[in-house]
Protein backbone atom coordinates (compact mmCIF):
# COMPACT_ATOMS: atom_id res chain seq x y z
CA UNK A 1 0.00 0.00 0.00
CA UNK A 2 2.85 2.37 0.85
CA UNK A 3 4.53 1.60 -2.48
CA UNK A 4 1.25 2.35 -4.30
CA UNK A 5 0.90 5.70 -2.52
CA UNK A 6 4.45 6.66 -3.45
CA UNK A 7 3.95 5.60 -7.05
CA UNK A 8 0.61 7.41 -7.26
CA UNK A 9 2.28 10.57 -5.95
CA UNK A 10 4.95 10.47 -8.67
CA UNK A 11 2.36 9.67 -11.34
CA UNK A 12 0.33 12.71 -10.32
CA UNK A 13 3.49 14.81 -10.26
CA UNK A 14 4.33 13.50 -13.72
CA UNK A 15 0.93 14.59 -15.03
CA UNK A 16 1.56 18.07 -13.67
CA UNK A 17 4.99 18.18 -15.32
CA UNK A 18 3.60 16.93 -18.61
CA UNK A 19 1.24 19.86 -19.05
CA UNK A 20 3.56 22.38 -17.43
CA UNK A 21 6.37 21.79 -19.91
CA UNK A 22 4.04 21.75 -22.91
CA UNK A 23 2.55 25.11 -21.89
CA UNK A 24 5.62 27.09 -20.89
CA UNK A 25 6.00 28.51 -24.39
CA UNK A 26 2.58 30.25 -24.72
CA UNK A 27 3.71 32.54 -21.87
CA UNK A 28 7.38 32.71 -22.89
CA UNK A 29 6.34 33.87 -26.36
CA UNK A 30 4.94 37.08 -24.84
CA UNK A 31 8.47 37.97 -23.70
CA UNK A 32 10.06 36.85 -26.97
CA UNK A 33 7.80 39.25 -28.92
CA UNK A 34 9.67 42.10 -27.19
CA UNK A 35 13.15 40.58 -26.99
CA UNK A 36 13.30 39.24 -30.54
CA UNK A 37 11.13 41.95 -32.10
CA UNK A 38 8.91 39.45 -33.93
CA UNK A 39 5.08 39.22 -33.98
CA UNK A 40 3.06 36.68 -31.99
CA UNK A 41 1.63 35.14 -35.17
CA UNK A 42 5.18 34.39 -36.35
CA UNK A 43 6.65 33.09 -33.07
CA UNK A 44 3.80 30.87 -31.82
CA UNK A 45 4.12 28.35 -34.72
CA UNK A 46 7.60 27.44 -33.41
CA UNK A 47 5.70 25.17 -31.00
CA UNK A 48 3.94 23.19 -33.75
CA UNK A 49 6.65 20.50 -33.92
CA UNK A 50 6.35 19.92 -30.19
CA UNK A 51 2.61 19.41 -30.38
CA UNK A 52 2.95 17.07 -33.36
CA UNK A 53 5.50 15.00 -31.42
CA UNK A 54 3.21 15.14 -28.37
CA UNK A 55 0.55 13.28 -30.32
CA UNK A 56 2.60 11.11 -32.67
CA UNK A 57 4.84 9.78 -29.91
CA UNK A 58 1.89 8.42 -27.91
CA UNK A 59 1.50 5.21 -29.97
CA UNK A 60 5.11 3.97 -29.73
CA UNK A 61 5.21 5.05 -26.09
CA UNK A 62 2.06 3.03 -25.34
CA UNK A 63 3.46 0.00 -27.18
CA UNK A 64 6.71 0.17 -25.22
CA UNK A 65 4.78 0.62 -21.98
CA UNK A 66 2.80 -2.58 -22.57
CA UNK A 67 5.61 -4.63 -24.08
CA UNK A 68 8.67 -3.41 -22.18
CA UNK A 69 8.17 -1.55 -18.89
CA UNK A 70 5.82 1.19 -17.78
CA UNK A 71 7.98 2.23 -14.84
CA UNK A 72 11.12 2.49 -17.00
CA UNK A 73 9.18 4.52 -19.55
CA UNK A 74 8.13 6.91 -16.79
CA UNK A 75 11.74 7.34 -15.70
CA UNK A 76 12.60 8.13 -19.32
CA UNK A 77 9.75 10.64 -19.36
CA UNK A 78 11.00 12.62 -16.36
CA UNK A 79 14.66 12.68 -17.37
CA UNK A 80 14.03 13.21 -21.10
CA UNK A 81 11.60 16.08 -20.72
CA UNK A 82 13.91 17.75 -18.21
CA UNK A 83 17.02 17.58 -20.41
CA UNK A 84 15.01 18.73 -23.44
CA UNK A 85 13.73 21.75 -21.52
CA UNK A 86 17.25 22.71 -20.46
CA UNK A 87 18.38 22.46 -24.09
CA UNK A 88 15.46 24.65 -25.17
CA UNK A 89 16.47 27.30 -22.66
CA UNK A 90 19.97 27.31 -24.15
CA UNK A 91 18.73 27.76 -27.75
CA UNK A 92 20.39 30.58 -29.65
CA UNK A 93 17.62 31.30 -32.15
CA UNK A 94 14.24 30.26 -33.57
CA UNK A 95 15.53 27.02 -35.14
CA UNK A 96 17.14 25.80 -31.93
CA UNK A 97 14.04 26.81 -30.00
CA UNK A 98 11.78 24.85 -32.36
CA UNK A 99 14.01 21.75 -32.09
CA UNK A 100 14.00 21.97 -28.31
CA UNK A 101 10.21 22.36 -28.15
CA UNK A 102 9.86 19.32 -30.43
CA UNK A 103 12.05 17.25 -28.10
CA UNK A 104 9.93 18.34 -25.13
CA UNK A 105 6.82 17.21 -26.99
CA UNK A 106 8.36 13.83 -27.84
CA UNK A 107 9.19 12.97 -24.23
CA UNK A 108 5.92 14.51 -23.01
CA UNK A 109 4.06 12.03 -25.27
CA UNK A 110 5.10 9.21 -22.93
CA UNK A 111 2.95 10.28 -20.00
CA UNK A 112 -0.65 9.85 -21.10
CA UNK A 113 -0.55 6.32 -22.56
CA UNK A 114 1.83 5.03 -19.88
CA UNK A 115 1.18 7.11 -16.76
CA UNK A 116 -2.62 7.02 -16.97
CA UNK A 117 -2.51 3.24 -17.55
CA UNK A 118 -0.50 2.92 -14.32
CA UNK A 119 -2.96 5.16 -12.45
CA UNK A 120 -5.95 2.88 -13.22
CA UNK A 121 -4.12 -0.44 -13.10
CA UNK A 122 -5.76 -2.91 -10.72
CA UNK A 123 -8.12 -0.45 -9.00
CA UNK A 124 -11.88 -0.22 -8.64
CA UNK A 125 -12.26 3.50 -7.82
CA UNK A 126 -11.26 4.51 -11.34
CA UNK A 127 -13.24 7.78 -11.38
CA UNK A 128 -11.75 9.04 -8.11
CA UNK A 129 -8.15 8.27 -9.09
CA UNK A 130 -8.58 9.79 -12.55
CA UNK A 131 -10.16 12.84 -10.94
CA UNK A 132 -7.18 13.33 -8.61
CA UNK A 133 -4.74 12.67 -11.43
CA UNK A 134 -6.62 15.09 -13.67
CA UNK A 135 -6.45 17.84 -11.05
CA UNK A 136 -2.70 17.28 -10.81
CA UNK A 137 -2.38 17.68 -14.56
CA UNK A 138 -4.40 20.86 -14.56
CA UNK A 139 -2.41 22.30 -11.69
CA UNK A 140 0.55 21.79 -14.02
CA UNK A 141 -1.34 23.78 -16.63
CA UNK A 142 -1.88 26.55 -14.09
CA UNK A 143 1.71 26.43 -12.84
CA UNK A 144 3.06 26.75 -16.39
CA UNK A 145 1.84 30.30 -16.84
CA UNK A 146 2.74 31.34 -13.30
CA UNK A 147 6.18 29.70 -13.26
CA UNK A 148 7.09 31.00 -16.70
CA UNK A 149 5.89 34.51 -15.86
CA UNK A 150 7.76 34.60 -12.54
CA UNK A 151 11.01 33.20 -13.96
CA UNK A 152 10.87 35.59 -16.92
CA UNK A 153 10.52 38.53 -14.54
CA UNK A 154 13.36 37.28 -12.31
CA UNK A 155 15.91 35.93 -14.78
CA UNK A 156 14.65 36.09 -18.37
CA UNK A 157 12.89 33.67 -20.69
CA UNK A 158 15.72 31.10 -20.70
CA UNK A 159 15.24 30.44 -16.98
CA UNK A 160 11.59 29.55 -17.67
CA UNK A 161 12.88 26.40 -19.41
CA UNK A 162 16.14 25.65 -17.57
CA UNK A 163 14.93 25.75 -13.96
CA UNK A 164 11.92 23.41 -14.45
CA UNK A 165 14.14 21.15 -16.58
CA UNK A 166 16.66 20.61 -13.79
CA UNK A 167 13.83 19.89 -11.33
CA UNK A 168 12.31 17.30 -13.70
CA UNK A 169 15.62 15.42 -14.05
CA UNK A 170 15.96 15.25 -10.25
CA UNK A 171 12.37 14.01 -10.01
CA UNK A 172 13.11 11.25 -12.52
CA UNK A 173 16.02 10.02 -10.42
CA UNK A 174 13.81 10.04 -7.31
CA UNK A 175 11.07 8.10 -9.16
CA UNK A 176 13.60 5.48 -10.30
CA UNK A 177 14.77 5.07 -6.70
CA UNK A 178 11.19 4.86 -5.38
CA UNK A 179 10.24 2.11 -7.84
CA UNK A 180 13.53 0.20 -7.76
CA UNK A 181 12.13 -2.37 -5.32
CA UNK A 182 8.96 -3.00 -7.35
CA UNK A 183 8.48 -6.52 -8.80
CA UNK A 184 10.25 -7.18 -12.07
CA UNK A 185 8.14 -6.72 -15.16
CA UNK A 186 8.47 -7.41 -18.85
CA UNK A 187 6.74 -8.77 -21.94
CA UNK A 188 6.10 -12.20 -20.39
CA UNK A 189 4.11 -10.67 -17.58
CA UNK A 190 1.98 -8.74 -20.05
CA UNK A 191 1.36 -11.79 -22.20
CA UNK A 192 -0.08 -14.02 -19.50
CA UNK A 193 -3.51 -12.59 -20.11
CA UNK A 194 -3.12 -12.38 -23.86
CA UNK A 195 -4.54 -15.84 -24.43
CA UNK A 196 -7.72 -15.11 -22.52
CA UNK A 197 -10.91 -14.65 -24.48
CA UNK A 198 -11.43 -11.07 -25.64
CA UNK A 199 -14.88 -11.06 -27.19
CA UNK A 200 -15.72 -7.54 -28.14
CA UNK A 201 -19.46 -6.88 -28.40
CA UNK A 202 -20.88 -4.87 -31.26
CA UNK A 203 -21.76 -2.02 -28.88
CA UNK A 204 -18.04 -1.45 -28.30
CA UNK A 205 -17.78 -0.21 -31.89
CA UNK A 206 -20.28 2.49 -31.03
CA UNK A 207 -18.21 3.41 -27.98
CA UNK A 208 -15.06 3.63 -30.10
CA UNK A 209 -16.80 5.96 -32.58
CA UNK A 210 -18.04 8.18 -29.74
CA UNK A 211 -14.60 8.16 -28.11
CA UNK A 212 -12.90 9.16 -31.36
CA UNK A 213 -15.23 12.03 -32.21
CA UNK A 214 -15.49 13.39 -28.66
CA UNK A 215 -11.72 13.22 -28.26
CA UNK A 216 -11.21 15.00 -31.58
CA UNK A 217 -13.60 17.88 -30.89
CA UNK A 218 -12.87 18.10 -27.17
CA UNK A 219 -9.12 18.00 -27.75
CA UNK A 220 -9.31 20.94 -30.15
CA UNK A 221 -11.32 23.00 -27.65
CA UNK A 222 -9.00 22.09 -24.78
CA UNK A 223 -5.68 22.75 -26.49
CA UNK A 224 -6.66 25.87 -28.42
CA UNK A 225 -8.10 27.40 -25.25
CA UNK A 226 -4.96 26.67 -23.23
CA UNK A 227 -2.63 28.00 -25.93
CA UNK A 228 -4.63 31.17 -26.55
CA UNK A 229 -5.69 32.24 -23.04
CA UNK A 230 -2.42 33.99 -22.05
CA UNK A 231 -2.63 36.14 -25.20
CA UNK A 232 -6.39 36.68 -24.76
CA UNK A 233 -5.73 38.03 -21.26
CA UNK A 234 -2.81 40.16 -22.46
CA UNK A 235 -5.05 41.79 -25.09
CA UNK A 236 -8.28 42.15 -23.12
CA UNK A 237 -7.23 42.79 -19.49
CA UNK A 238 -5.62 46.17 -20.06
CA UNK A 239 -7.60 47.71 -17.18
CA UNK A 240 -6.36 45.04 -14.75
CA UNK A 241 -2.71 44.40 -15.68
CA UNK A 242 -0.13 45.03 -18.39
CA UNK A 243 2.82 42.92 -17.18
CA UNK A 244 3.67 39.39 -18.27
CA UNK A 245 3.68 38.22 -14.65
CA UNK A 246 0.30 39.84 -13.98
CA UNK A 247 -1.26 38.15 -17.00
CA UNK A 248 0.35 34.81 -16.07
CA UNK A 249 -0.91 35.10 -12.49
CA UNK A 250 -4.52 35.64 -13.59
CA UNK A 251 -4.29 32.79 -16.11
CA UNK A 252 -2.98 30.51 -13.36
CA UNK A 253 -5.82 31.44 -11.01
CA UNK A 254 -8.35 30.59 -13.72
CA UNK A 255 -6.65 27.25 -14.41
CA UNK A 256 -6.47 26.30 -10.70
CA UNK A 257 -10.16 27.06 -10.32
CA UNK A 258 -10.99 25.01 -13.39
CA UNK A 259 -8.86 22.09 -12.23
CA UNK A 260 -11.14 21.46 -9.26
CA UNK A 261 -13.86 20.30 -11.65
CA UNK A 262 -12.09 16.99 -12.17
CA UNK A 263 -12.51 16.02 -8.52
CA UNK A 264 -16.24 16.59 -8.80
CA UNK A 265 -16.55 14.81 -12.15
CA UNK A 266 -14.42 11.90 -10.91
CA UNK A 267 -16.74 11.52 -7.90
CA UNK A 268 -19.82 11.61 -10.15
CA UNK A 269 -18.37 9.04 -12.58
CA UNK A 270 -18.16 6.45 -9.80
CA UNK A 271 -21.86 6.98 -8.99
CA UNK A 272 -23.83 8.04 -12.07
CA UNK A 273 -24.04 7.01 -15.75
CA UNK A 274 -21.07 8.25 -17.76
CA UNK A 275 -23.31 9.06 -20.73
CA UNK A 276 -25.38 11.60 -18.78
CA UNK A 277 -22.30 13.26 -17.28
CA UNK A 278 -20.68 13.64 -20.70
CA UNK A 279 -23.81 15.27 -22.14
CA UNK A 280 -24.22 17.62 -19.17
CA UNK A 281 -20.61 18.84 -19.22
CA UNK A 282 -20.69 19.48 -22.99
CA UNK A 283 -23.95 21.46 -22.76
CA UNK A 284 -22.57 23.57 -19.90
CA UNK A 285 -19.59 24.60 -22.04
CA UNK A 286 -21.74 26.32 -24.68
CA UNK A 287 -22.90 29.55 -22.94
CA UNK A 288 -19.50 30.23 -21.38
CA UNK A 289 -17.61 29.76 -24.65
CA UNK A 290 -19.98 32.24 -26.27
CA UNK A 291 -19.54 34.68 -23.38
CA UNK A 292 -15.73 34.37 -23.50
CA UNK A 293 -15.81 35.35 -27.17
CA UNK A 294 -16.92 38.88 -26.18
CA UNK A 295 -15.92 39.51 -22.55
CA UNK A 296 -13.19 41.95 -21.39
CA UNK A 297 -11.37 42.77 -18.13
CA UNK A 298 -12.95 41.42 -14.91
CA UNK A 299 -15.90 39.90 -16.76
CA UNK A 300 -13.47 37.92 -18.92
CA UNK A 301 -11.66 36.55 -15.86
CA UNK A 302 -14.93 35.40 -14.27
CA UNK A 303 -16.34 33.89 -17.47
CA UNK A 304 -13.05 32.17 -18.25
CA UNK A 305 -12.93 30.61 -14.78
CA UNK A 306 -16.30 28.92 -15.26
CA UNK A 307 -15.49 28.06 -18.88
CA UNK A 308 -12.34 26.23 -17.76
CA UNK A 309 -14.37 24.36 -15.14
CA UNK A 310 -16.40 22.79 -17.94
CA UNK A 311 -13.40 22.21 -20.24
CA UNK A 312 -11.22 20.59 -17.57
CA UNK A 313 -14.18 18.66 -16.21
CA UNK A 314 -14.54 16.78 -19.49
CA UNK A 315 -11.09 15.18 -19.30
CA UNK A 316 -11.66 12.25 -16.88
CA UNK A 317 -14.84 11.20 -18.71
CA UNK A 318 -13.16 9.70 -21.78
CA UNK A 319 -10.31 8.29 -19.67
CA UNK A 320 -12.90 6.46 -17.56
CA UNK A 321 -14.60 5.18 -20.71
CA UNK A 322 -11.31 3.57 -21.79
CA UNK A 323 -10.47 2.22 -18.33
CA UNK A 324 -13.85 0.48 -17.97
CA UNK A 325 -13.79 -1.16 -21.38
CA UNK A 326 -10.17 -2.20 -22.04
CA UNK A 327 -8.23 -5.17 -20.60
CA UNK A 328 -5.11 -4.13 -18.70
CA UNK A 329 -2.64 -5.76 -21.10
CA UNK A 330 -4.00 -3.54 -23.90
CA UNK A 331 -4.69 -0.41 -21.88
CA UNK A 332 -1.52 1.58 -22.63
CA UNK A 333 -2.08 1.06 -26.34
CA UNK A 334 -5.73 2.06 -26.13
CA UNK A 335 -4.80 5.21 -24.23
CA UNK A 336 -2.11 5.79 -26.84
CA UNK A 337 -4.71 5.73 -29.63
CA UNK A 338 -6.96 8.06 -27.67
CA UNK A 339 -4.18 10.51 -26.97
CA UNK A 340 -2.85 10.24 -30.51
CA UNK A 341 -6.15 11.84 -31.51
CA UNK A 342 -6.35 14.29 -28.60
CA UNK A 343 -2.73 15.37 -28.65
CA UNK A 344 -2.48 15.21 -32.42
CA UNK A 345 -5.27 17.74 -32.74
CA UNK A 346 -3.31 19.96 -30.38
CA UNK A 347 -0.83 20.43 -33.22
CA UNK A 348 -3.66 21.90 -35.29
CA UNK A 349 -4.67 24.12 -32.38
CA UNK A 350 -1.42 26.11 -32.48
CA UNK A 351 -1.63 27.30 -36.12
CA UNK A 352 -5.39 27.76 -35.69
CA UNK A 353 -4.83 30.22 -32.84
CA UNK A 354 -2.05 31.92 -34.79
CA UNK A 355 -4.15 32.32 -37.95
CA UNK A 356 -7.29 33.52 -36.13
CA UNK A 357 -5.34 36.17 -34.24
CA UNK A 358 -3.26 37.11 -37.27
CA UNK A 359 -6.36 37.66 -39.43
CA UNK A 360 -8.75 39.23 -36.93
CA UNK A 361 -6.49 40.63 -34.21
CA UNK A 362 -8.79 39.06 -31.61
CA UNK A 363 -10.26 35.71 -30.53
CA UNK A 364 -14.01 36.11 -31.11
CA UNK A 365 -13.87 33.69 -34.04
CA UNK A 366 -12.00 31.14 -31.98
CA UNK A 367 -14.36 30.71 -29.02
CA UNK A 368 -17.70 31.11 -30.79
CA UNK A 369 -17.21 28.14 -33.18
CA UNK A 370 -16.07 26.03 -30.22
CA UNK A 371 -19.58 26.41 -28.77
CA UNK A 372 -20.85 24.59 -31.88
CA UNK A 373 -18.32 21.80 -31.30
CA UNK A 374 -19.56 21.45 -27.71
CA UNK A 375 -23.10 21.01 -28.99
CA UNK A 376 -21.87 18.30 -31.37
CA UNK A 377 -20.12 16.54 -28.46
CA UNK A 378 -23.39 16.46 -26.51
CA UNK A 379 -25.25 14.99 -29.50
CA UNK A 380 -22.51 12.40 -30.10
CA UNK A 381 -22.46 11.41 -26.41
CA UNK A 382 -26.14 10.51 -26.72
CA UNK A 383 -25.00 7.59 -28.92
CA UNK A 384 -23.44 5.82 -25.92
CA UNK A 385 -25.34 2.82 -24.50
CA UNK A 386 -27.71 3.79 -21.71
CA UNK A 387 -26.19 1.19 -19.40
CA UNK A 388 -22.92 2.01 -17.71
CA UNK A 389 -21.37 -1.39 -17.01
CA UNK A 390 -17.95 -2.30 -18.47
CA UNK A 391 -18.28 -4.15 -21.77
CA UNK A 392 -14.83 -5.76 -21.67
CA UNK A 393 -13.84 -6.24 -18.01
CA UNK A 394 -10.10 -6.32 -17.45
CA UNK A 395 -8.99 -9.83 -16.40
CA UNK A 396 -7.54 -10.28 -12.95
CA UNK A 397 -8.71 -6.95 -11.56
CA UNK A 398 -9.47 -8.40 -8.16
CA UNK A 399 -6.01 -9.91 -7.90
CA UNK A 400 -4.37 -6.71 -9.04
CA UNK A 401 -6.39 -4.66 -6.59
CA UNK A 402 -5.04 -6.88 -3.83
CA UNK A 403 -1.53 -5.93 -4.86
CA UNK A 404 -0.58 -8.72 -7.23
CA UNK A 405 0.49 -6.49 -10.12
CA UNK A 406 2.71 -3.45 -10.23
CA UNK A 407 5.07 -1.87 -12.67
């Protein structure tokens, strides 16, 4: 039990790091506009390679997690993302910066298929654990803007990458030490359940279609909102603050507030039908996305806080859908496919934000169409079966819950 608590702590910390490192640049770019004398619409696309790698790397990472070792992959995640961030902070120009951001995205791609699979492995309170893990990830989102803004003010934009990078490498070494006494794992352990019957009912096809479409639309809303919000605040909060740190602080407050939604949604998922929760969260997004398209100053901060509640709250829903309907020996790969879609669309979010702002000089035509996507998500969620029992129960869950498995 103690080992599980320690591992769960590091997995939650890893989720925070994952989003923190991927979202340092949207705040750093505000400082680079001044230092390098280049426009936002030109600098932001430097992050595209990182977001492509963030999605594309999920499938091989999931395969390695299932076939090699999840705990070794997590050690690689911590150390790799840390060293990549340090290298990014040492970049001498746009090309080096783009290469560094791409390396960060590649190592960041390890977390979701591998770390989330470890979070739900052998447990029954899936919704609660995913809720806690989701809050940790969103606190990383919030910390990204705040940490980057503070480090930029104190020591310049390079420190915003180098300092977190060193901390991540140290964390990876601590994680390796914490899990060094865990039972040995490898392909043979994964394959013991491979011969068991895996009859997939026809209704699972419907679930896969829903999962794909909801992940696609929801991922676009999530990533484009996170990437754009620092700039939205910088443009529209002129009566409240004009400094990078002030903007970053307000963005962080909004993200922390929104992160709490995952605890509530995780609790509800363990008690009520997933289908109804997915529909309700999607419908709640619509009015606040429309309001955010027009709001300024204090009204924008308040509307954005509630908007992020609904956007963050949607995250554990699809993770729970996968956890309840995928055998453990396939779970990393199923999460990899899910996150390939979700994180892959994040690569499209970056140029989308850049183009919308470059053409219009504002973000009205970013948030308003997202309200339509939220409506589509609610309609698609209605396709899910009305029952909420797992269709493909993971074999050996009871034994794993008793502590038989661990990687």
